[in-house]
Amino acid sequence: MHPIVTAREGWLEVEIENKCDYSKFEEAANILKKQFNISFVEKLNHLDDAYWDFIYKGCELTLHFNHYCGITLFPKKFRKATTEENQGAKEIGVLLFERLNHPS
């Protein structure tokens, strides 16, 4: 099983988990905090969505939850994302997917 990485109009989006509940999103966030020493710099929570921004290797990224679509990870700048930000999103997205689905 591998994460789905989709090239959008200038940015990469990594699908971490499809159609899950908020507790799975919290589990993913905890993995980032504890195993990768990530601090969330901004958290926006809505009824069906959550956007939690963080920095990974100098890249501004967003961990996103949607009640209907699941958990995704992408560069915060979307279309203006740099190659490094897209690579960072893919790198940490794949690692998060592996840790979430195959805990040690």
Protein backbone atom coordinates (compact mmCIF):
# COMPACT_ATOMS: atom_id res chain seq x y z
CA MET A 1 0.00 0.00 0.00
CA HIS A 2 1.35 3.40 -0.99
CA PRO A 3 0.07 6.95 -0.60
CA ILE A 4 -1.51 8.59 -3.61
CA VAL A 5 0.57 11.56 -4.80
CA THR A 6 -1.28 13.85 -7.19
CA ALA A 7 0.27 16.67 -9.18
CA ARG A 8 -2.07 19.64 -9.12
CA GLU A 9 -1.57 22.98 -10.89
CA GLY A 10 1.89 23.67 -9.49
CA TRP A 11 1.83 21.65 -6.28
CA LEU A 12 1.81 18.05 -5.08
CA GLU A 13 -0.88 16.67 -2.82
CA VAL A 14 -0.25 13.49 -0.83
CA GLU A 15 -3.30 11.49 0.22
CA ILE A 16 -2.48 10.06 3.64
CA GLU A 17 -5.82 8.46 4.53
CA ASN A 18 -9.06 8.30 2.57
CA LYS A 19 -12.41 8.84 4.27
CA CYS A 20 -11.52 8.72 7.95
CA ASP A 21 -12.65 10.42 11.12
CA TYR A 22 -11.04 13.27 13.05
CA SER A 23 -9.35 10.91 15.52
CA LYS A 24 -7.22 9.53 12.66
CA PHE A 25 -6.22 13.12 11.78
CA GLU A 26 -5.20 13.69 15.40
CA GLU A 27 -3.18 10.46 15.29
CA ALA A 28 -1.40 11.69 12.14
CA ALA A 29 -0.68 15.05 13.80
CA ASN A 30 0.71 13.28 16.88
CA ILE A 31 3.03 11.19 14.70
CA LEU A 32 4.37 14.37 13.10
CA LYS A 33 4.87 15.99 16.52
CA LYS A 34 6.42 13.04 18.33
CA GLN A 35 8.34 11.18 15.65
CA PHE A 36 9.42 14.10 13.46
CA ASN A 37 9.59 16.87 16.07
CA ILE A 38 7.08 19.00 14.14
CA SER A 39 5.39 22.01 15.74
CA PHE A 40 2.20 23.32 14.20
CA VAL A 41 2.48 27.05 13.62
CA GLU A 42 -1.18 27.65 12.77
CA LYS A 43 -4.34 25.60 13.20
CA LEU A 44 -7.60 26.43 11.44
CA ASN A 45 -10.52 24.19 12.36
CA HIS A 46 -13.95 24.30 10.73
CA LEU A 47 -16.95 22.02 10.97
CA ASP A 48 -15.80 19.57 8.27
CA ASP A 49 -12.20 20.72 7.69
CA ALA A 50 -8.95 21.33 9.53
CA TYR A 51 -5.84 23.00 8.11
CA TRP A 52 -2.74 22.68 10.32
CA ASP A 53 0.39 24.40 9.04
CA PHE A 54 3.91 23.36 9.93
CA ILE A 55 7.51 23.69 8.77
CA TYR A 56 9.47 20.66 7.58
CA LYS A 57 13.07 21.14 6.42
CA GLY A 58 12.36 24.81 5.76
CA CYS A 59 9.18 24.09 3.77
CA GLU A 60 5.79 25.51 4.76
CA LEU A 61 3.34 22.60 4.54
CA THR A 62 -0.28 21.94 5.49
CA LEU A 63 -1.81 18.84 7.02
CA HIS A 64 -5.45 18.89 5.92
CA PHE A 65 -8.47 16.95 7.16
CA ASN A 66 -11.84 16.81 5.45
CA HIS A 67 -14.69 14.76 6.86
CA TYR A 68 -15.59 13.46 3.38
CA CYS A 69 -12.14 13.16 1.74
CA GLY A 70 -9.78 12.18 4.57
CA ILE A 71 -6.25 13.42 5.29
CA THR A 72 -3.97 15.08 2.77
CA LEU A 73 -0.68 16.95 2.96
CA PHE A 74 0.47 19.69 0.58
CA PRO A 75 2.60 22.86 0.33
CA LYS A 76 0.90 25.86 1.91
CA LYS A 77 1.64 28.05 -1.12
CA PHE A 78 -0.31 25.83 -3.58
CA ARG A 79 0.43 27.09 -7.12
CA LYS A 80 3.38 29.16 -5.91
CA ALA A 81 5.04 26.16 -4.25
CA THR A 82 8.72 25.68 -5.01
CA THR A 83 10.25 22.42 -6.16
CA GLU A 84 11.74 22.04 -2.66
CA GLU A 85 8.32 22.50 -1.03
CA ASN A 86 6.76 19.90 -3.31
CA GLN A 87 9.62 17.49 -2.58
CA GLY A 88 9.27 18.17 1.17
CA ALA A 89 5.52 17.50 1.03
CA LYS A 90 6.08 14.23 -0.80
CA GLU A 91 8.89 13.14 1.53
CA ILE A 92 7.10 13.77 4.82
CA GLY A 93 3.77 12.64 3.33
CA VAL A 94 5.17 9.24 2.40
CA LEU A 95 6.85 8.87 5.80
CA LEU A 96 3.64 9.85 7.61
CA PHE A 97 1.61 7.40 5.51
CA GLU A 98 4.03 4.59 6.41
CA ARG A 99 4.02 5.38 10.13
CA LEU A 100 0.26 5.76 10.26
CA ASN A 101 -0.42 2.49 8.43
CA HIS A 102 2.51 0.41 9.69
CA PRO A 103 3.31 1.52 13.26
CA SER A 104 6.56 0.23 14.70
